[in-house]
Structure formats: structure tokens, C-alpha cells
C-alpha atoms as a PDB file:
ATOM      1  CA  UNK A   1      25.979  94.233  57.132  1.00  0.00           C
ATOM      2  CA  UNK A   2      24.674  93.296  60.542  1.00  0.00           C
ATOM      3  CA  UNK A   3      21.703  90.993  60.961  1.00  0.00           C
ATOM      4  CA  UNK A   4      18.634  92.900  62.144  1.00  0.00           C
ATOM      5  CA  UNK A   5      15.450  91.383  63.536  1.00  0.00           C
ATOM      6  CA  UNK A   6      12.808  93.862  62.537  1.00  0.00           C
ATOM      7  CA  UNK A   7       9.768  94.686  64.559  1.00  0.00           C
ATOM      8  CA  UNK A   8       7.584  93.490  61.726  1.00  0.00           C
ATOM      9  CA  UNK A   9       8.806  89.917  62.230  1.00  0.00           C
ATOM     10  CA  UNK A  10      11.230  89.927  59.300  1.00  0.00           C
ATOM     11  CA  UNK A  11      15.023  89.466  59.352  1.00  0.00           C
ATOM     12  CA  UNK A  12      17.328  91.569  57.204  1.00  0.00           C
ATOM     13  CA  UNK A  13      21.077  91.444  56.614  1.00  0.00           C
ATOM     14  CA  UNK A  14      21.322  87.712  55.772  1.00  0.00           C
ATOM     15  CA  UNK A  15      23.283  87.090  52.584  1.00  0.00           C
ATOM     16  CA  UNK A  16      22.792  84.172  50.189  1.00  0.00           C
ATOM     17  CA  UNK A  17      24.329  81.068  51.760  1.00  0.00           C
ATOM     18  CA  UNK A  18      24.334  82.649  55.166  1.00  0.00           C
ATOM     19  CA  UNK A  19      22.219  79.941  56.766  1.00  0.00           C
ATOM     20  CA  UNK A  20      23.901  76.782  58.073  1.00  0.00           C
ATOM     21  CA  UNK A  21      23.374  73.509  56.191  1.00  0.00           C
ATOM     22  CA  UNK A  22      20.185  71.596  57.073  1.00  0.00           C
ATOM     23  CA  UNK A  23      18.656  74.518  58.945  1.00  0.00           C
ATOM     24  CA  UNK A  24      15.760  74.614  56.429  1.00  0.00           C
ATOM     25  CA  UNK A  25      13.875  71.317  56.468  1.00  0.00           C
ATOM     26  CA  UNK A  26      10.627  70.125  54.869  1.00  0.00           C
ATOM     27  CA  UNK A  27       8.614  71.421  57.797  1.00  0.00           C
ATOM     28  CA  UNK A  28       9.997  74.929  57.249  1.00  0.00           C
ATOM     29  CA  UNK A  29       8.799  75.079  53.651  1.00  0.00           C
ATOM     30  CA  UNK A  30       5.293  76.247  52.926  1.00  0.00           C
ATOM     31  CA  UNK A  31       3.021  73.815  51.063  1.00  0.00           C
ATOM     32  CA  UNK A  32       3.546  74.041  47.277  1.00  0.00           C
ATOM     33  CA  UNK A  33       6.379  76.544  47.748  1.00  0.00           C
ATOM     34  CA  UNK A  34       8.784  74.485  45.545  1.00  0.00           C
ATOM     35  CA  UNK A  35       7.571  74.852  41.958  1.00  0.00           C
ATOM     36  CA  UNK A  36       8.850  73.314  38.705  1.00  0.00           C
ATOM     37  CA  UNK A  37      10.542  76.606  37.858  1.00  0.00           C
ATOM     38  CA  UNK A  38      12.715  76.302  40.996  1.00  0.00           C
ATOM     39  CA  UNK A  39      13.942  72.768  40.202  1.00  0.00           C
ATOM     40  CA  UNK A  40      16.936  72.612  37.871  1.00  0.00           C
ATOM     41  CA  UNK A  41      17.165  69.971  35.146  1.00  0.00           C
ATOM     42  CA  UNK A  42      18.775  66.775  36.376  1.00  0.00           C
ATOM     43  CA  UNK A  43      18.589  67.714  40.069  1.00  0.00           C
ATOM     44  CA  UNK A  44      16.051  64.970  40.868  1.00  0.00           C
ATOM     45  CA  UNK A  45      17.452  61.538  39.997  1.00  0.00           C
ATOM     46  CA  UNK A  46      16.274  57.989  40.656  1.00  0.00           C
ATOM     47  CA  UNK A  47      18.053  57.881  44.036  1.00  0.00           C
ATOM     48  CA  UNK A  48      15.961  60.823  45.243  1.00  0.00           C
ATOM     49  CA  UNK A  49      12.685  59.036  44.568  1.00  0.00           C
ATOM     50  CA  UNK A  50      11.061  56.643  46.989  1.00  0.00           C
ATOM     51  CA  UNK A  51      10.279  53.147  45.699  1.00  0.00           C
ATOM     52  CA  UNK A  52       7.013  53.129  43.685  1.00  0.00           C
ATOM     53  CA  UNK A  53       6.615  56.876  44.214  1.00  0.00           C
ATOM     54  CA  UNK A  54       6.216  57.567  40.490  1.00  0.00           C
ATOM     55  CA  UNK A  55       2.930  56.102  39.292  1.00  0.00           C
ATOM     56  CA  UNK A  56       1.373  56.067  35.833  1.00  0.00           C
ATOM     57  CA  UNK A  57      -1.031  58.813  36.925  1.00  0.00           C
ATOM     58  CA  UNK A  58       1.908  61.135  37.683  1.00  0.00           C
ATOM     59  CA  UNK A  59       3.555  60.721  34.291  1.00  0.00           C
ATOM     60  CA  UNK A  60       2.703  62.775  31.252  1.00  0.00           C
ATOM     61  CA  UNK A  61       2.345  60.744  28.054  1.00  0.00           C
ATOM     62  CA  UNK A  62       4.919  62.957  26.354  1.00  0.00           C
ATOM     63  CA  UNK A  63       7.424  62.242  29.127  1.00  0.00           C
ATOM     64  CA  UNK A  64       7.880  58.598  28.004  1.00  0.00           C
ATOM     65  CA  UNK A  65       9.826  58.124  24.770  1.00  0.00           C
ATOM     66  CA  UNK A  66      10.611  55.007  22.739  1.00  0.00           C
ATOM     67  CA  UNK A  67      14.151  55.030  24.118  1.00  0.00           C
ATOM     68  CA  UNK A  68      12.725  54.516  27.633  1.00  0.00           C
ATOM     69  CA  UNK A  69      11.132  51.171  26.700  1.00  0.00           C
ATOM     70  CA  UNK A  70      12.973  47.934  27.577  1.00  0.00           C
ATOM     71  CA  UNK A  71      14.433  45.508  25.045  1.00  0.00           C
ATOM     72  CA  UNK A  72      11.717  43.379  23.445  1.00  0.00           C
ATOM     73  CA  UNK A  73       9.081  46.112  23.497  1.00  0.00           C
ATOM     74  CA  UNK A  74       6.984  46.638  20.378  1.00  0.00           C
ATOM     75  CA  UNK A  75       7.754  50.169  19.158  1.00  0.00           C
ATOM     76  CA  UNK A  76       5.464  50.304  16.130  1.00  0.00           C
ATOM     77  CA  UNK A  77       3.332  48.091  13.893  1.00  0.00           C
ATOM     78  CA  UNK A  78       2.834  48.463  10.137  1.00  0.00           C
ATOM     79  CA  UNK A  79       0.267  46.455   8.176  1.00  0.00           C
ATOM     80  CA  UNK A  80      -0.101  45.938   4.444  1.00  0.00           C
ATOM     81  CA  UNK A  81      -2.490  43.937   2.273  1.00  0.00           C
ATOM     82  CA  UNK A  82      -3.439  43.298  -1.325  1.00  0.00           C
ATOM     83  CA  UNK A  83      -6.181  41.509  -3.258  1.00  0.00           C
ATOM     84  CA  UNK A  84      -4.598  42.017  -6.688  1.00  0.00           C
ATOM     85  CA  UNK A  85      -4.446  38.682  -8.518  1.00  0.00           C
ATOM     86  CA  UNK A  86      -0.996  37.172  -9.005  1.00  0.00           C
ATOM     87  CA  UNK A  87      -0.092  34.125 -11.089  1.00  0.00           C
ATOM     88  CA  UNK A  88       3.141  32.418 -12.097  1.00  0.00           C
ATOM     89  CA  UNK A  89       3.982  29.430 -14.264  1.00  0.00           C
ATOM     90  CA  UNK A  90       7.766  29.279 -14.114  1.00  0.00           C
ATOM     91  CA  UNK A  91      10.773  28.614 -11.918  1.00  0.00           C
ATOM     92  CA  UNK A  92      11.937  32.226 -11.656  1.00  0.00           C
ATOM     93  CA  UNK A  93      10.916  34.213  -8.588  1.00  0.00           C
ATOM     94  CA  UNK A  94       8.535  37.116  -9.123  1.00  0.00           C
ATOM     95  CA  UNK A  95       7.090  39.708  -6.733  1.00  0.00           C
ATOM     96  CA  UNK A  96       3.562  38.786  -5.646  1.00  0.00           C
ATOM     97  CA  UNK A  97       2.406  42.376  -5.035  1.00  0.00           C
ATOM     98  CA  UNK A  98       2.349  41.939  -1.261  1.00  0.00           C
ATOM     99  CA  UNK A  99       4.630  44.454   0.502  1.00  0.00           C
ATOM    100  CA  UNK A 100       4.870  46.995   3.314  1.00  0.00           C
ATOM    101  CA  UNK A 101       7.425  49.628   4.351  1.00  0.00           C
ATOM    102  CA  UNK A 102       8.570  50.569   7.836  1.00  0.00           C
ATOM    103  CA  UNK A 103      10.979  53.237   9.116  1.00  0.00           C
ATOM    104  CA  UNK A 104      12.733  51.884  12.235  1.00  0.00           C
ATOM    105  CA  UNK A 105      13.105  54.345  15.107  1.00  0.00           C
ATOM    106  CA  UNK A 106      16.452  52.859  16.161  1.00  0.00           C
ATOM    107  CA  UNK A 107      19.237  51.192  14.184  1.00  0.00           C
ATOM    108  CA  UNK A 108      19.514  48.307  16.670  1.00  0.00           C
ATOM    109  CA  UNK A 109      15.825  47.410  16.424  1.00  0.00           C
ATOM    110  CA  UNK A 110      14.637  44.113  14.988  1.00  0.00           C
ATOM    111  CA  UNK A 111      11.738  43.817  12.553  1.00  0.00           C
ATOM    112  CA  UNK A 112       9.346  40.891  12.939  1.00  0.00           C
ATOM    113  CA  UNK A 113       7.668  39.989   9.632  1.00  0.00           C
ATOM    114  CA  UNK A 114       4.479  37.912   9.566  1.00  0.00           C
ATOM    115  CA  UNK A 115       2.892  36.770   6.298  1.00  0.00           C
ATOM    116  CA  UNK A 116      -0.578  35.444   5.534  1.00  0.00           C
ATOM    117  CA  UNK A 117      -0.892  34.719   1.795  1.00  0.00           C
ATOM    118  CA  UNK A 118      -3.489  32.259   0.472  1.00  0.00           C
ATOM    119  CA  UNK A 119      -3.410  30.844  -3.042  1.00  0.00           C
ATOM    120  CA  UNK A 120      -3.816  27.745  -5.132  1.00  0.00           C
ATOM    121  CA  UNK A 121      -1.908  25.538  -7.541  1.00  0.00           C
ATOM    122  CA  UNK A 122      -3.323  24.109 -10.756  1.00  0.00           C
ATOM    123  CA  UNK A 123      -1.581  21.010 -12.160  1.00  0.00           C
ATOM    124  CA  UNK A 124      -1.927  18.957 -15.330  1.00  0.00           C
ATOM    125  CA  UNK A 125      -0.635  15.668 -13.843  1.00  0.00           C
ATOM    126  CA  UNK A 126      -0.709  13.898 -10.507  1.00  0.00           C
ATOM    127  CA  UNK A 127       2.984  14.646  -9.969  1.00  0.00           C
ATOM    128  CA  UNK A 128       3.976  16.713  -6.970  1.00  0.00           C
ATOM    129  CA  UNK A 129       4.758  20.345  -7.618  1.00  0.00           C
ATOM    130  CA  UNK A 130       6.830  22.697  -5.496  1.00  0.00           C
ATOM    131  CA  UNK A 131       5.678  26.208  -4.715  1.00  0.00           C
ATOM    132  CA  UNK A 132       8.459  28.342  -3.215  1.00  0.00           C
ATOM    133  CA  UNK A 133       8.166  31.633  -1.384  1.00  0.00           C
ATOM    134  CA  UNK A 134      10.666  34.306  -0.396  1.00  0.00           C
ATOM    135  CA  UNK A 135      10.488  37.021   2.216  1.00  0.00           C
ATOM    136  CA  UNK A 136      12.709  39.854   1.008  1.00  0.00           C
ATOM    137  CA  UNK A 137      14.061  43.088   2.418  1.00  0.00           C
ATOM    138  CA  UNK A 138      14.271  45.100  -0.767  1.00  0.00           C
ATOM    139  CA  UNK A 139      16.208  42.829  -3.136  1.00  0.00           C
ATOM    140  CA  UNK A 140      17.770  40.783  -0.301  1.00  0.00           C
ATOM    141  CA  UNK A 141      16.209  37.352   0.277  1.00  0.00           C
ATOM    142  CA  UNK A 142      15.777  36.715   4.011  1.00  0.00           C
ATOM    143  CA  UNK A 143      14.074  33.308   3.971  1.00  0.00           C
ATOM    144  CA  UNK A 144      12.851  30.825   1.386  1.00  0.00           C
ATOM    145  CA  UNK A 145      10.017  28.439   2.095  1.00  0.00           C
ATOM    146  CA  UNK A 146       8.770  25.454   0.071  1.00  0.00           C
ATOM    147  CA  UNK A 147       5.368  23.812  -0.030  1.00  0.00           C
ATOM    148  CA  UNK A 148       4.866  20.524  -1.900  1.00  0.00           C
ATOM    149  CA  UNK A 149       1.460  19.741  -3.404  1.00  0.00           C
ATOM    150  CA  UNK A 150       0.056  16.805  -5.307  1.00  0.00           C
ATOM    151  CA  UNK A 151      -3.284  17.010  -7.050  1.00  0.00           C
ATOM    152  CA  UNK A 152      -5.289  15.090  -9.616  1.00  0.00           C
ATOM    153  CA  UNK A 153      -5.173  16.421 -13.152  1.00  0.00           C
ATOM    154  CA  UNK A 154      -7.393  19.446 -13.657  1.00  0.00           C
ATOM    155  CA  UNK A 155      -7.954  20.065  -9.942  1.00  0.00           C
ATOM    156  CA  UNK A 156      -6.899  23.138  -8.012  1.00  0.00           C
ATOM    157  CA  UNK A 157      -5.193  22.653  -4.656  1.00  0.00           C
ATOM    158  CA  UNK A 158      -5.205  25.493  -2.115  1.00  0.00           C
ATOM    159  CA  UNK A 159      -2.121  26.509  -0.179  1.00  0.00           C
ATOM    160  CA  UNK A 160      -1.105  29.195   2.291  1.00  0.00           C
ATOM    161  CA  UNK A 161       2.173  31.056   2.718  1.00  0.00           C
ATOM    162  CA  UNK A 162       2.473  31.602   6.486  1.00  0.00           C
ATOM    163  CA  UNK A 163       6.175  32.398   6.697  1.00  0.00           C
ATOM    164  CA  UNK A 164       7.557  34.696   9.400  1.00  0.00           C
ATOM    165  CA  UNK A 165      11.000  36.068  10.106  1.00  0.00           C
ATOM    166  CA  UNK A 166      12.884  38.244  12.593  1.00  0.00           C
ATOM    167  CA  UNK A 167      15.176  40.620  10.716  1.00  0.00           C
ATOM    168  CA  UNK A 168      17.943  43.020  11.804  1.00  0.00           C
ATOM    169  CA  UNK A 169      18.014  45.744   9.119  1.00  0.00           C
ATOM    170  CA  UNK A 170      20.489  47.967  11.065  1.00  0.00           C
ATOM    171  CA  UNK A 171      19.005  51.169   9.693  1.00  0.00           C
ATOM    172  CA  UNK A 172      16.651  54.021  10.497  1.00  0.00           C
ATOM    173  CA  UNK A 173      15.755  54.524   6.839  1.00  0.00           C
ATOM    174  CA  UNK A 174      12.459  53.437   5.266  1.00  0.00           C
ATOM    175  CA  UNK A 175      12.700  49.701   4.553  1.00  0.00           C
ATOM    176  CA  UNK A 176      10.384  47.667   2.316  1.00  0.00           C
ATOM    177  CA  UNK A 177       9.573  43.996   2.892  1.00  0.00           C
ATOM    178  CA  UNK A 178       7.828  41.863   0.276  1.00  0.00           C
ATOM    179  CA  UNK A 179       7.079  38.299  -0.833  1.00  0.00           C
ATOM    180  CA  UNK A 180       8.072  36.466  -3.996  1.00  0.00           C
ATOM    181  CA  UNK A 181       6.835  33.180  -5.444  1.00  0.00           C
ATOM    182  CA  UNK A 182       7.798  30.587  -8.071  1.00  0.00           C
ATOM    183  CA  UNK A 183       6.775  27.080  -9.117  1.00  0.00           C
ATOM    184  CA  UNK A 184       9.211  24.311  -9.953  1.00  0.00           C
ATOM    185  CA  UNK A 185       7.622  23.100 -13.182  1.00  0.00           C
ATOM    186  CA  UNK A 186       6.068  24.947 -16.110  1.00  0.00           C
ATOM    187  CA  UNK A 187       3.407  22.217 -16.375  1.00  0.00           C
ATOM    188  CA  UNK A 188       1.593  23.885 -13.487  1.00  0.00           C
ATOM    189  CA  UNK A 189       0.496  27.358 -12.487  1.00  0.00           C
ATOM    190  CA  UNK A 190       0.346  28.944  -9.045  1.00  0.00           C
ATOM    191  CA  UNK A 191      -1.837  31.837  -7.954  1.00  0.00           C
ATOM    192  CA  UNK A 192      -2.165  34.195  -4.988  1.00  0.00           C
ATOM    193  CA  UNK A 193      -4.934  36.663  -4.158  1.00  0.00           C
ATOM    194  CA  UNK A 194      -7.057  34.710  -6.611  1.00  0.00           C
ATOM    195  CA  UNK A 195     -10.058  37.019  -6.439  1.00  0.00           C
ATOM    196  CA  UNK A 196     -11.130  40.372  -5.020  1.00  0.00           C
ATOM    197  CA  UNK A 197     -12.325  38.732  -1.788  1.00  0.00           C
ATOM    198  CA  UNK A 198      -8.999  36.978  -1.161  1.00  0.00           C
ATOM    199  CA  UNK A 199      -6.592  39.247   0.712  1.00  0.00           C
ATOM    200  CA  UNK A 200      -2.955  38.593   1.465  1.00  0.00           C
ATOM    201  CA  UNK A 201      -1.478  40.390   4.478  1.00  0.00           C
ATOM    202  CA  UNK A 202       1.927  41.382   5.775  1.00  0.00           C
ATOM    203  CA  UNK A 203       2.543  42.717   9.290  1.00  0.00           C
ATOM    204  CA  UNK A 204       5.777  44.394  10.360  1.00  0.00           C
ATOM    205  CA  UNK A 205       6.591  44.971  14.041  1.00  0.00           C
ATOM    206  CA  UNK A 206       9.584  46.964  15.240  1.00  0.00           C
ATOM    207  CA  UNK A 207      11.040  45.308  18.349  1.00  0.00           C
ATOM    208  CA  UNK A 208      13.338  47.288  20.654  1.00  0.00           C
ATOM    209  CA  UNK A 209      16.901  45.924  20.681  1.00  0.00           C
END
């Protein structure tokens, strides 16, 4: 078909691809003539964007996913607490009732565990007594901490479990973290969450790997 310049100002007879490369430049295109529907997926990459051309105002919230965040970013935070009284008078670890569960978004994420657990120890002599704590992932002990107290007979001595730990669970399944406690001598008792106004807390933060 021959190319015809019509009297109406239009040109007919040009097939797709019939124009030479680079003949249509930005100045030839009408304003807003290139719509989202005309841009194929993956056709605009980082090299096509000018430095600092993409600002926060131009991004939709849904366009940024957790996988876009750099290593070290906090992906989610889970918080748990309890004020249920716990007491122990022996050298075998027992769950204190403080726990929280988190479902990691990625298997290479790390979980930062922070504990705040107040309590007290009651002794019947002036001898030092050991109170030990565990942070556990399920039944797996991650860290054990020891606090040594010495108190006059009949007096209560306060303590605080402020352990923290950075864990690598290597899973995307729901994972429970908890604390355990024991005391080294049956001649003393240890308590946590000693009354309804005394809360123990556990905070879990998923950190991008």
C-alpha cells in the first residue's frame, strides 16, 4: 500500500514499524498520552529512572513489600504480658507464664527477644541464693541467666529479669518464646508477677536478614 497524505491532515498507508527509529521523541507525544495500560510489566527499570526521581509521594503504600526492606529493618513487633502470679521453691525450671508467639515473614529473619520480668526472693537465712532464668524457643533453651541475692532472714529481696537475645529460628511457622525460672535451694522461694499490678512483658521483633 502506498503512503497517502490526505487532505484532512492525516497520513494513511503506514504499517506498524514503518517509522524509522527515534523519529518519535518526547516532544512528539501529547501530554499524558502514555498511560499505565500502555507500559508493559518490567519495561521501566532502575536504569530508566533519573536519580531521586521516585519520591515517597509517588509510591503507593501497597507497592512496598517486606522483601524490599534492607537487612536490619524491623518487619514486625509482637508484645506479650502477664500479671498471673508465679512462684517456685525448687531447682527445676518451670514456665513462668510469660510468653508470646510470632510468625516470621522470612526464614532468614532474626527474632530479637526482650524481657522485663520483676519478682522477689524470700529467704530463711542470710546465705546467698541463686535465681536462674531461661529464654526458650518452644522447648529449646536459648540463654540462661543467673542473679545472686543475699537477704536477711524473713526479708524479701526484689529482682528483675532483663534478659534479651537475638535468635535465628530459620522458619516461617508460628514460633513461641517464653521464660522459665528456678531457685538453687529449697530453703527459699522466688516469685514473679507477685500481684495484679505487677506485669511482666516480652517483646519480639522480627529483623530482616
